[in-house]
Amino acid sequence: MIHRSFSEKKTQIETMAKDIHNLKLVDTSKSPNENTIYILWGDLEITDEKGSWAFGQRSVRTCYPPHYSHSLFAFPFVRNGYQGIMLPYEDALLFRKWIVKVMSSSS
């Protein structure tokens, strides 16, 4: 059995995050209420907010609370010093669950 270090797991997760991060989810052809944006942050909190032209200008709601007490991952989207990735809601849930599994595994 091959054991991966924390650093190796973190690198794998950050590489995958870069591949699935999707800025095109902010669709300015839709109204803000039709274009909800989900962000998975480096502490594994999932938030949502209005998209389109209102993205970044309205309140942010927590869909899932942080899993870690601090940010562990260097994700490509940066806002106010916090790093995250934009992805569809179901993908955010699946990626979050996968990260928790990878980070808690002994291999």
PDB file of N, CA and C in Angstrom:
ATOM      1  N   MET A   1       0.841  -1.174   0.000  1.00  0.00           N
ATOM      2  CA  MET A   1       0.000   0.000   0.000  1.00  0.00           C
ATOM      3  C   MET A   1       0.896   1.251   0.000  1.00  0.00           C
ATOM      4  N   ILE A   2       0.552   2.220  -0.841  1.00  0.00           N
ATOM      5  CA  ILE A   2       1.299   3.467  -0.920  1.00  0.00           C
ATOM      6  C   ILE A   2       0.627   4.506  -0.026  1.00  0.00           C
ATOM      7  N   HIS A   3       1.407   5.117   0.849  1.00  0.00           N
ATOM      8  CA  HIS A   3       0.875   6.164   1.718  1.00  0.00           C
ATOM      9  C   HIS A   3       1.265   7.524   1.152  1.00  0.00           C
ATOM     10  N   ARG A   4       0.276   8.372   0.991  1.00  0.00           N
ATOM     11  CA  ARG A   4       0.538   9.709   0.495  1.00  0.00           C
ATOM     12  C   ARG A   4       0.600  10.686   1.653  1.00  0.00           C
ATOM     13  N   SER A   5       1.508  11.614   1.555  1.00  0.00           N
ATOM     14  CA  SER A   5       1.657  12.618   2.600  1.00  0.00           C
ATOM     15  C   SER A   5       0.559  13.671   2.485  1.00  0.00           C
ATOM     16  N   PHE A   6       0.430  14.461   3.533  1.00  0.00           N
ATOM     17  CA  PHE A   6      -0.510  15.585   3.525  1.00  0.00           C
ATOM     18  C   PHE A   6      -0.231  16.480   2.325  1.00  0.00           C
ATOM     19  N   SER A   7       1.026  16.773   2.085  1.00  0.00           N
ATOM     20  CA  SER A   7       1.421  17.650   0.983  1.00  0.00           C
ATOM     21  C   SER A   7       1.015  17.070  -0.372  1.00  0.00           C
ATOM     22  N   GLU A   8       1.179  15.773  -0.552  1.00  0.00           N
ATOM     23  CA  GLU A   8       0.795  15.135  -1.815  1.00  0.00           C
ATOM     24  C   GLU A   8      -0.717  15.189  -2.025  1.00  0.00           C
ATOM     25  N   LYS A   9      -1.473  14.953  -0.971  1.00  0.00           N
ATOM     26  CA  LYS A   9      -2.932  15.019  -1.057  1.00  0.00           C
ATOM     27  C   LYS A   9      -3.378  16.442  -1.376  1.00  0.00           C
ATOM     28  N   LYS A  10      -2.781  17.402  -0.691  1.00  0.00           N
ATOM     29  CA  LYS A  10      -3.116  18.819  -0.895  1.00  0.00           C
ATOM     30  C   LYS A  10      -2.832  19.220  -2.344  1.00  0.00           C
ATOM     31  N   THR A  11      -1.695  18.814  -2.870  1.00  0.00           N
ATOM     32  CA  THR A  11      -1.334  19.130  -4.257  1.00  0.00           C
ATOM     33  C   THR A  11      -2.324  18.514  -5.232  1.00  0.00           C
ATOM     34  N   GLN A  12      -2.721  17.273  -4.998  1.00  0.00           N
ATOM     35  CA  GLN A  12      -3.693  16.609  -5.864  1.00  0.00           C
ATOM     36  C   GLN A  12      -5.021  17.371  -5.870  1.00  0.00           C
ATOM     37  N   ILE A  13      -5.470  17.780  -4.707  1.00  0.00           N
ATOM     38  CA  ILE A  13      -6.741  18.499  -4.578  1.00  0.00           C
ATOM     39  C   ILE A  13      -6.654  19.859  -5.266  1.00  0.00           C
ATOM     40  N   GLU A  14      -5.578  20.584  -5.048  1.00  0.00           N
ATOM     41  CA  GLU A  14      -5.424  21.909  -5.652  1.00  0.00           C
ATOM     42  C   GLU A  14      -5.318  21.826  -7.179  1.00  0.00           C
ATOM     43  N   THR A  15      -4.674  20.791  -7.683  1.00  0.00           N
ATOM     44  CA  THR A  15      -4.579  20.597  -9.135  1.00  0.00           C
ATOM     45  C   THR A  15      -5.949  20.315  -9.725  1.00  0.00           C
ATOM     46  N   MET A  16      -6.701  19.450  -9.081  1.00  0.00           N
ATOM     47  CA  MET A  16      -8.042  19.147  -9.554  1.00  0.00           C
ATOM     48  C   MET A  16      -8.937  20.381  -9.484  1.00  0.00           C
ATOM     49  N   ALA A  17      -8.789  21.175  -8.426  1.00  0.00           N
ATOM     50  CA  ALA A  17      -9.595  22.388  -8.273  1.00  0.00           C
ATOM     51  C   ALA A  17      -9.356  23.350  -9.432  1.00  0.00           C
ATOM     52  N   LYS A  18      -8.104  23.497  -9.850  1.00  0.00           N
ATOM     53  CA  LYS A  18      -7.792  24.370 -10.989  1.00  0.00           C
ATOM     54  C   LYS A  18      -8.472  23.876 -12.254  1.00  0.00           C
ATOM     55  N   ASP A  19      -8.551  22.553 -12.405  1.00  0.00           N
ATOM     56  CA  ASP A  19      -9.165  21.965 -13.599  1.00  0.00           C
ATOM     57  C   ASP A  19     -10.674  22.151 -13.638  1.00  0.00           C
ATOM     58  N   ILE A  20     -11.334  22.149 -12.486  1.00  0.00           N
ATOM     59  CA  ILE A  20     -12.798  22.211 -12.482  1.00  0.00           C
ATOM     60  C   ILE A  20     -13.358  23.603 -12.180  1.00  0.00           C
ATOM     61  N   HIS A  21     -12.508  24.542 -11.767  1.00  0.00           N
ATOM     62  CA  HIS A  21     -12.948  25.914 -11.499  1.00  0.00           C
ATOM     63  C   HIS A  21     -13.528  26.494 -12.787  1.00  0.00           C
ATOM     64  N   ASN A  22     -14.706  27.118 -12.709  1.00  0.00           N
ATOM     65  CA  ASN A  22     -15.388  27.562 -13.922  1.00  0.00           C
ATOM     66  C   ASN A  22     -15.939  28.982 -13.787  1.00  0.00           C
ATOM     67  N   LEU A  23     -15.147  29.962 -14.218  1.00  0.00           N
ATOM     68  CA  LEU A  23     -15.585  31.363 -14.190  1.00  0.00           C
ATOM     69  C   LEU A  23     -16.761  31.620 -15.129  1.00  0.00           C
ATOM     70  N   LYS A  24     -16.949  30.760 -16.116  1.00  0.00           N
ATOM     71  CA  LYS A  24     -18.037  30.948 -17.084  1.00  0.00           C
ATOM     72  C   LYS A  24     -19.411  30.740 -16.465  1.00  0.00           C
ATOM     73  N   LEU A  25     -19.458  30.277 -15.215  1.00  0.00           N
ATOM     74  CA  LEU A  25     -20.745  30.129 -14.543  1.00  0.00           C
ATOM     75  C   LEU A  25     -21.398  31.479 -14.287  1.00  0.00           C
ATOM     76  N   VAL A  26     -20.600  32.545 -14.227  1.00  0.00           N
ATOM     77  CA  VAL A  26     -21.159  33.893 -14.097  1.00  0.00           C
ATOM     78  C   VAL A  26     -21.629  34.293 -15.500  1.00  0.00           C
ATOM     79  N   ASP A  27     -22.952  34.253 -15.688  1.00  0.00           N
ATOM     80  CA  ASP A  27     -23.558  34.467 -17.007  1.00  0.00           C
ATOM     81  C   ASP A  27     -24.271  35.815 -17.037  1.00  0.00           C
ATOM     82  N   THR A  28     -23.644  36.785 -17.654  1.00  0.00           N
ATOM     83  CA  THR A  28     -24.209  38.138 -17.686  1.00  0.00           C
ATOM     84  C   THR A  28     -25.415  38.264 -18.619  1.00  0.00           C
ATOM     85  N   SER A  29     -25.731  37.221 -19.380  1.00  0.00           N
ATOM     86  CA  SER A  29     -26.916  37.270 -20.235  1.00  0.00           C
ATOM     87  C   SER A  29     -28.187  36.933 -19.452  1.00  0.00           C
ATOM     88  N   LYS A  30     -28.018  36.465 -18.204  1.00  0.00           N
ATOM     89  CA  LYS A  30     -29.160  36.120 -17.352  1.00  0.00           C
ATOM     90  C   LYS A  30     -29.347  37.189 -16.284  1.00  0.00           C
ATOM     91  N   SER A  31     -30.524  37.160 -15.663  1.00  0.00           N
ATOM     92  CA  SER A  31     -30.741  38.056 -14.527  1.00  0.00           C
ATOM     93  C   SER A  31     -30.009  37.474 -13.313  1.00  0.00           C
ATOM     94  N   PRO A  32     -29.657  38.316 -12.335  1.00  0.00           N
ATOM     95  CA  PRO A  32     -28.964  37.804 -11.143  1.00  0.00           C
ATOM     96  C   PRO A  32     -29.706  36.677 -10.434  1.00  0.00           C
ATOM     97  N   ASN A  33     -31.039  36.736 -10.409  1.00  0.00           N
ATOM     98  CA  ASN A  33     -31.818  35.692  -9.734  1.00  0.00           C
ATOM     99  C   ASN A  33     -31.835  34.377 -10.507  1.00  0.00           C
ATOM    100  N   GLU A  34     -31.528  34.423 -11.788  1.00  0.00           N
ATOM    101  CA  GLU A  34     -31.477  33.207 -12.605  1.00  0.00           C
ATOM    102  C   GLU A  34     -30.078  32.593 -12.636  1.00  0.00           C
ATOM    103  N   ASN A  35     -29.115  33.249 -12.029  1.00  0.00           N
ATOM    104  CA  ASN A  35     -27.717  32.845 -12.158  1.00  0.00           C
ATOM    105  C   ASN A  35     -27.050  32.785 -10.781  1.00  0.00           C
ATOM    106  N   THR A  36     -27.404  31.757 -10.004  1.00  0.00           N
ATOM    107  CA  THR A  36     -26.802  31.576  -8.685  1.00  0.00           C
ATOM    108  C   THR A  36     -25.408  30.989  -8.843  1.00  0.00           C
ATOM    109  N   ILE A  37     -24.448  31.564  -8.130  1.00  0.00           N
ATOM    110  CA  ILE A  37     -23.060  31.127  -8.179  1.00  0.00           C
ATOM    111  C   ILE A  37     -22.715  30.442  -6.861  1.00  0.00           C
ATOM    112  N   TYR A  38     -22.126  29.265  -6.963  1.00  0.00           N
ATOM    113  CA  TYR A  38     -21.692  28.510  -5.786  1.00  0.00           C
ATOM    114  C   TYR A  38     -20.175  28.512  -5.732  1.00  0.00           C
ATOM    115  N   ILE A  39     -19.637  28.735  -4.541  1.00  0.00           N
ATOM    116  CA  ILE A  39     -18.188  28.751  -4.354  1.00  0.00           C
ATOM    117  C   ILE A  39     -17.831  27.814  -3.206  1.00  0.00           C
ATOM    118  N   LEU A  40     -16.878  26.932  -3.479  1.00  0.00           N
ATOM    119  CA  LEU A  40     -16.296  26.070  -2.457  1.00  0.00           C
ATOM    120  C   LEU A  40     -14.998  26.725  -2.027  1.00  0.00           C
ATOM    121  N   TRP A  41     -14.915  27.113  -0.766  1.00  0.00           N
ATOM    122  CA  TRP A  41     -13.753  27.836  -0.237  1.00  0.00           C
ATOM    123  C   TRP A  41     -12.713  26.871   0.319  1.00  0.00           C
ATOM    124  N   GLY A  42     -11.532  27.379   0.594  1.00  0.00           N
ATOM    125  CA  GLY A  42     -10.403  26.579   1.050  1.00  0.00           C
ATOM    126  C   GLY A  42     -10.600  25.891   2.388  1.00  0.00           C
ATOM    127  N   ASP A  43     -11.589  26.321   3.179  1.00  0.00           N
ATOM    128  CA  ASP A  43     -11.921  25.634   4.438  1.00  0.00           C
ATOM    129  C   ASP A  43     -13.092  24.672   4.238  1.00  0.00           C
ATOM    130  N   LEU A  44     -13.527  24.536   2.985  1.00  0.00           N
ATOM    131  CA  LEU A  44     -14.615  23.682   2.513  1.00  0.00           C
ATOM    132  C   LEU A  44     -16.009  24.214   2.826  1.00  0.00           C
ATOM    133  N   GLU A  45     -16.115  25.474   3.174  1.00  0.00           N
ATOM    134  CA  GLU A  45     -17.425  26.121   3.249  1.00  0.00           C
ATOM    135  C   GLU A  45     -17.948  26.270   1.826  1.00  0.00           C
ATOM    136  N   ILE A  46     -19.239  26.055   1.641  1.00  0.00           N
ATOM    137  CA  ILE A  46     -19.883  26.310   0.350  1.00  0.00           C
ATOM    138  C   ILE A  46     -20.824  27.480   0.528  1.00  0.00           C
ATOM    139  N   THR A  47     -20.666  28.482  -0.330  1.00  0.00           N
ATOM    140  CA  THR A  47     -21.536  29.653  -0.284  1.00  0.00           C
ATOM    141  C   THR A  47     -22.239  29.817  -1.623  1.00  0.00           C
ATOM    142  N   ASP A  48     -23.319  30.597  -1.584  1.00  0.00           N
ATOM    143  CA  ASP A  48     -23.964  30.975  -2.841  1.00  0.00           C
ATOM    144  C   ASP A  48     -24.251  32.467  -2.825  1.00  0.00           C
ATOM    145  N   GLU A  49     -24.386  33.002  -4.013  1.00  0.00           N
ATOM    146  CA  GLU A  49     -24.721  34.409  -4.178  1.00  0.00           C
ATOM    147  C   GLU A  49     -25.292  34.626  -5.569  1.00  0.00           C
ATOM    148  N   LYS A  50     -25.900  35.788  -5.758  1.00  0.00           N
ATOM    149  CA  LYS A  50     -26.447  36.110  -7.062  1.00  0.00           C
ATOM    150  C   LYS A  50     -25.325  36.252  -8.074  1.00  0.00           C
ATOM    151  N   GLY A  51     -25.635  35.857  -9.296  1.00  0.00           N
ATOM    152  CA  GLY A  51     -24.651  35.940 -10.374  1.00  0.00           C
ATOM    153  C   GLY A  51     -24.924  37.108 -11.299  1.00  0.00           C
ATOM    154  N   SER A  52     -24.591  36.910 -12.558  1.00  0.00           N
ATOM    155  CA  SER A  52     -24.733  37.923 -13.602  1.00  0.00           C
ATOM    156  C   SER A  52     -23.997  39.197 -13.207  1.00  0.00           C
ATOM    157  N   TRP A  53     -24.579  40.350 -13.511  1.00  0.00           N
ATOM    158  CA  TRP A  53     -23.921  41.634 -13.218  1.00  0.00           C
ATOM    159  C   TRP A  53     -23.832  41.901 -11.712  1.00  0.00           C
ATOM    160  N   ALA A  54     -24.631  41.189 -10.892  1.00  0.00           N
ATOM    161  CA  ALA A  54     -24.649  41.424  -9.450  1.00  0.00           C
ATOM    162  C   ALA A  54     -23.609  40.588  -8.697  1.00  0.00           C
ATOM    163  N   PHE A  55     -22.881  39.729  -9.400  1.00  0.00           N
ATOM    164  CA  PHE A  55     -21.911  38.866  -8.731  1.00  0.00           C
ATOM    165  C   PHE A  55     -20.875  39.707  -7.985  1.00  0.00           C
ATOM    166  N   GLY A  56     -20.693  39.381  -6.722  1.00  0.00           N
ATOM    167  CA  GLY A  56     -19.729  40.101  -5.885  1.00  0.00           C
ATOM    168  C   GLY A  56     -20.266  41.392  -5.300  1.00  0.00           C
ATOM    169  N   GLN A  57     -21.502  41.741  -5.627  1.00  0.00           N
ATOM    170  CA  GLN A  57     -22.083  42.999  -5.150  1.00  0.00           C
ATOM    171  C   GLN A  57     -23.266  42.799  -4.204  1.00  0.00           C
ATOM    172  N   ARG A  58     -23.576  41.561  -3.902  1.00  0.00           N
ATOM    173  CA  ARG A  58     -24.716  41.258  -3.029  1.00  0.00           C
ATOM    174  C   ARG A  58     -24.241  40.391  -1.866  1.00  0.00           C
ATOM    175  N   SER A  59     -25.158  40.062  -0.982  1.00  0.00           N
ATOM    176  CA  SER A  59     -24.806  39.247   0.174  1.00  0.00           C
ATOM    177  C   SER A  59     -24.468  37.816  -0.245  1.00  0.00           C
ATOM    178  N   VAL A  60     -23.685  37.185   0.597  1.00  0.00           N
ATOM    179  CA  VAL A  60     -23.246  35.813   0.381  1.00  0.00           C
ATOM    180  C   VAL A  60     -23.888  34.959   1.467  1.00  0.00           C
ATOM    181  N   ARG A  61     -24.442  33.821   1.071  1.00  0.00           N
ATOM    182  CA  ARG A  61     -25.082  32.919   2.040  1.00  0.00           C
ATOM    183  C   ARG A  61     -24.286  31.622   2.152  1.00  0.00           C
ATOM    184  N   THR A  62     -24.228  31.083   3.349  1.00  0.00           N
ATOM    185  CA  THR A  62     -23.565  29.809   3.572  1.00  0.00           C
ATOM    186  C   THR A  62     -24.544  28.669   3.305  1.00  0.00           C
ATOM    187  N   CYS A  63     -24.162  27.765   2.416  1.00  0.00           N
ATOM    188  CA  CYS A  63     -24.951  26.554   2.145  1.00  0.00           C
ATOM    189  C   CYS A  63     -24.477  25.400   3.019  1.00  0.00           C
ATOM    190  N   TYR A  64     -23.166  25.294   3.174  1.00  0.00           N
ATOM    191  CA  TYR A  64     -22.539  24.302   4.046  1.00  0.00           C
ATOM    192  C   TYR A  64     -21.462  25.013   4.842  1.00  0.00           C
ATOM    193  N   PRO A  65     -21.401  24.764   6.157  1.00  0.00           N
ATOM    194  CA  PRO A  65     -20.406  25.443   6.988  1.00  0.00           C
ATOM    195  C   PRO A  65     -18.996  24.923   6.693  1.00  0.00           C
ATOM    196  N   PRO A  66     -17.983  25.640   7.140  1.00  0.00           N
ATOM    197  CA  PRO A  66     -16.606  25.172   6.946  1.00  0.00           C
ATOM    198  C   PRO A  66     -16.395  23.796   7.588  1.00  0.00           C
ATOM    199  N   HIS A  67     -15.573  22.996   6.963  1.00  0.00           N
ATOM    200  CA  HIS A  67     -15.199  21.701   7.543  1.00  0.00           C
ATOM    201  C   HIS A  67     -13.947  21.853   8.404  1.00  0.00           C
ATOM    202  N   TYR A  68     -13.088  22.780   8.002  1.00  0.00           N
ATOM    203  CA  TYR A  68     -11.844  23.052   8.728  1.00  0.00           C
ATOM    204  C   TYR A  68     -11.930  24.433   9.369  1.00  0.00           C
ATOM    205  N   SER A  69     -11.158  24.634  10.418  1.00  0.00           N
ATOM    206  CA  SER A  69     -11.195  25.925  11.126  1.00  0.00           C
ATOM    207  C   SER A  69     -10.417  27.016  10.392  1.00  0.00           C
ATOM    208  N   HIS A  70      -9.683  26.640   9.367  1.00  0.00           N
ATOM    209  CA  HIS A  70      -8.921  27.603   8.570  1.00  0.00           C
ATOM    210  C   HIS A  70      -8.795  27.053   7.141  1.00  0.00           C
ATOM    211  N   SER A  71      -8.397  27.897   6.232  1.00  0.00           N
ATOM    212  CA  SER A  71      -8.259  27.492   4.842  1.00  0.00           C
ATOM    213  C   SER A  71      -7.037  26.596   4.665  1.00  0.00           C
ATOM    214  N   LEU A  72      -7.251  25.435   4.067  1.00  0.00           N
ATOM    215  CA  LEU A  72      -6.147  24.501   3.828  1.00  0.00           C
ATOM    216  C   LEU A  72      -5.628  24.550   2.400  1.00  0.00           C
ATOM    217  N   PHE A  73      -6.461  25.023   1.483  1.00  0.00           N
ATOM    218  CA  PHE A  73      -6.154  24.867   0.068  1.00  0.00           C
ATOM    219  C   PHE A  73      -5.992  26.198  -0.658  1.00  0.00           C
ATOM    220  N   ALA A  74      -5.070  26.207  -1.603  1.00  0.00           N
ATOM    221  CA  ALA A  74      -4.844  27.376  -2.464  1.00  0.00           C
ATOM    222  C   ALA A  74      -5.669  27.167  -3.730  1.00  0.00           C
ATOM    223  N   PHE A  75      -6.870  27.711  -3.738  1.00  0.00           N
ATOM    224  CA  PHE A  75      -7.764  27.586  -4.877  1.00  0.00           C
ATOM    225  C   PHE A  75      -7.645  28.827  -5.768  1.00  0.00           C
ATOM    226  N   PRO A  76      -8.042  28.726  -7.047  1.00  0.00           N
ATOM    227  CA  PRO A  76      -7.761  29.797  -8.015  1.00  0.00           C
ATOM    228  C   PRO A  76      -8.576  31.089  -7.885  1.00  0.00           C
ATOM    229  N   PHE A  77      -9.782  31.039  -7.324  1.00  0.00           N
ATOM    230  CA  PHE A  77     -10.585  32.253  -7.195  1.00  0.00           C
ATOM    231  C   PHE A  77     -10.253  32.922  -5.862  1.00  0.00           C
ATOM    232  N   VAL A  78      -9.906  34.201  -5.908  1.00  0.00           N
ATOM    233  CA  VAL A  78      -9.519  34.913  -4.687  1.00  0.00           C
ATOM    234  C   VAL A  78     -10.431  36.124  -4.492  1.00  0.00           C
ATOM    235  N   ARG A  79     -10.955  36.233  -3.267  1.00  0.00           N
ATOM    236  CA  ARG A  79     -11.766  37.397  -2.890  1.00  0.00           C
ATOM    237  C   ARG A  79     -11.455  37.724  -1.433  1.00  0.00           C
ATOM    238  N   ASN A  80     -11.042  38.948  -1.193  1.00  0.00           N
ATOM    239  CA  ASN A  80     -10.750  39.418   0.165  1.00  0.00           C
ATOM    240  C   ASN A  80      -9.780  38.501   0.913  1.00  0.00           C
ATOM    241  N   GLY A  81      -8.814  37.958   0.202  1.00  0.00           N
ATOM    242  CA  GLY A  81      -7.817  37.100   0.818  1.00  0.00           C
ATOM    243  C   GLY A  81      -8.227  35.644   0.978  1.00  0.00           C
ATOM    244  N   TYR A  82      -9.456  35.308   0.625  1.00  0.00           N
ATOM    245  CA  TYR A  82      -9.931  33.926   0.711  1.00  0.00           C
ATOM    246  C   TYR A  82      -9.897  33.303  -0.674  1.00  0.00           C
ATOM    247  N   GLN A  83      -9.627  31.995  -0.722  1.00  0.00           N
ATOM    248  CA  GLN A  83      -9.499  31.312  -1.999  1.00  0.00           C
ATOM    249  C   GLN A  83     -10.564  30.242  -2.155  1.00  0.00           C
ATOM    250  N   GLY A  84     -11.154  30.176  -3.340  1.00  0.00           N
ATOM    251  CA  GLY A  84     -12.208  29.203  -3.591  1.00  0.00           C
ATOM    252  C   GLY A  84     -12.256  28.808  -5.049  1.00  0.00           C
ATOM    253  N   ILE A  85     -13.251  28.002  -5.377  1.00  0.00           N
ATOM    254  CA  ILE A  85     -13.505  27.626  -6.760  1.00  0.00           C
ATOM    255  C   ILE A  85     -14.998  27.743  -7.024  1.00  0.00           C
ATOM    256  N   MET A  86     -15.332  28.162  -8.241  1.00  0.00           N
ATOM    257  CA  MET A  86     -16.726  28.232  -8.670  1.00  0.00           C
ATOM    258  C   MET A  86     -17.059  26.941  -9.391  1.00  0.00           C
ATOM    259  N   LEU A  87     -18.192  26.365  -9.009  1.00  0.00           N
ATOM    260  CA  LEU A  87     -18.654  25.171  -9.685  1.00  0.00           C
ATOM    261  C   LEU A  87     -20.135  24.977  -9.388  1.00  0.00           C
ATOM    262  N   PRO A  88     -20.829  24.175 -10.186  1.00  0.00           N
ATOM    263  CA  PRO A  88     -22.243  23.933  -9.923  1.00  0.00           C
ATOM    264  C   PRO A  88     -22.446  23.326  -8.538  1.00  0.00           C
ATOM    265  N   TYR A  89     -23.617  23.548  -7.981  1.00  0.00           N
ATOM    266  CA  TYR A  89     -23.912  23.134  -6.608  1.00  0.00           C
ATOM    267  C   TYR A  89     -23.630  21.656  -6.359  1.00  0.00           C
ATOM    268  N   GLU A  90     -24.163  20.770  -7.187  1.00  0.00           N
ATOM    269  CA  GLU A  90     -23.965  19.331  -6.978  1.00  0.00           C
ATOM    270  C   GLU A  90     -22.486  18.965  -7.052  1.00  0.00           C
ATOM    271  N   ASP A  91     -21.756  19.597  -7.956  1.00  0.00           N
ATOM    272  CA  ASP A  91     -20.318  19.346  -8.061  1.00  0.00           C
ATOM    273  C   ASP A  91     -19.578  19.838  -6.818  1.00  0.00           C
ATOM    274  N   ALA A  92     -20.018  20.966  -6.268  1.00  0.00           N
ATOM    275  CA  ALA A  92     -19.400  21.489  -5.042  1.00  0.00           C
ATOM    276  C   ALA A  92     -19.581  20.504  -3.896  1.00  0.00           C
ATOM    277  N   LEU A  93     -20.771  19.939  -3.780  1.00  0.00           N
ATOM    278  CA  LEU A  93     -21.032  18.950  -2.725  1.00  0.00           C
ATOM    279  C   LEU A  93     -20.170  17.709  -2.905  1.00  0.00           C
ATOM    280  N   LEU A  94     -20.108  17.207  -4.137  1.00  0.00           N
ATOM    281  CA  LEU A  94     -19.327  16.000  -4.409  1.00  0.00           C
ATOM    282  C   LEU A  94     -17.838  16.232  -4.197  1.00  0.00           C
ATOM    283  N   PHE A  95     -17.326  17.372  -4.651  1.00  0.00           N
ATOM    284  CA  PHE A  95     -15.902  17.662  -4.504  1.00  0.00           C
ATOM    285  C   PHE A  95     -15.548  17.835  -3.028  1.00  0.00           C
ATOM    286  N   ARG A  96     -16.416  18.516  -2.290  1.00  0.00           N
ATOM    287  CA  ARG A  96     -16.209  18.697  -0.844  1.00  0.00           C
ATOM    288  C   ARG A  96     -16.137  17.341  -0.143  1.00  0.00           C
ATOM    289  N   LYS A  97     -17.092  16.463  -0.454  1.00  0.00           N
ATOM    290  CA  LYS A  97     -17.134  15.134   0.155  1.00  0.00           C
ATOM    291  C   LYS A  97     -15.870  14.340  -0.200  1.00  0.00           C
ATOM    292  N   TRP A  98     -15.448  14.421  -1.459  1.00  0.00           N
ATOM    293  CA  TRP A  98     -14.250  13.719  -1.897  1.00  0.00           C
ATOM    294  C   TRP A  98     -13.002  14.250  -1.178  1.00  0.00           C
ATOM    295  N   ILE A  99     -12.899  15.565  -1.030  1.00  0.00           N
ATOM    296  CA  ILE A  99     -11.752  16.151  -0.334  1.00  0.00           C
ATOM    297  C   ILE A  99     -11.684  15.642   1.108  1.00  0.00           C
ATOM    298  N   VAL A 100     -12.804  15.663   1.804  1.00  0.00           N
ATOM    299  CA  VAL A 100     -12.832  15.189   3.191  1.00  0.00           C
ATOM    300  C   VAL A 100     -12.376  13.734   3.259  1.00  0.00           C
ATOM    301  N   LYS A 101     -12.843  12.926   2.319  1.00  0.00           N
ATOM    302  CA  LYS A 101     -12.451  11.512   2.285  1.00  0.00           C
ATOM    303  C   LYS A 101     -10.949  11.357   2.033  1.00  0.00           C
ATOM    304  N   VAL A 102     -10.435  12.087   1.043  1.00  0.00           N
ATOM    305  CA  VAL A 102      -9.008  12.007   0.724  1.00  0.00           C
ATOM    306  C   VAL A 102      -8.149  12.453   1.900  1.00  0.00           C
ATOM    307  N   MET A 103      -8.508  13.574   2.512  1.00  0.00           N
ATOM    308  CA  MET A 103      -7.694  14.125   3.587  1.00  0.00           C
ATOM    309  C   MET A 103      -7.754  13.276   4.855  1.00  0.00           C
ATOM    310  N   SER A 104      -8.836  12.521   5.039  1.00  0.00           N
ATOM    311  CA  SER A 104      -8.952  11.704   6.252  1.00  0.00           C
ATOM    312  C   SER A 104      -8.431  10.288   6.062  1.00  0.00           C
ATOM    313  N   SER A 105      -8.145   9.923   4.809  1.00  0.00           N
ATOM    314  CA  SER A 105      -7.656   8.568   4.556  1.00  0.00           C
ATOM    315  C   SER A 105      -6.184   8.441   4.947  1.00  0.00           C
ATOM    316  N   SER A 106      -5.787   7.230   5.265  1.00  0.00           N
ATOM    317  CA  SER A 106      -4.402   7.008   5.658  1.00  0.00           C
ATOM    318  C   SER A 106      -3.517   6.676   4.467  1.00  0.00           C
ATOM    319  N   SER A 107      -4.118   6.561   3.278  1.00  0.00           N
ATOM    320  CA  SER A 107      -3.293   6.277   2.096  1.00  0.00           C
ATOM    321  C   SER A 107      -3.440   7.341   1.045  1.00  0.00           C
TER     322      SER A 107
END
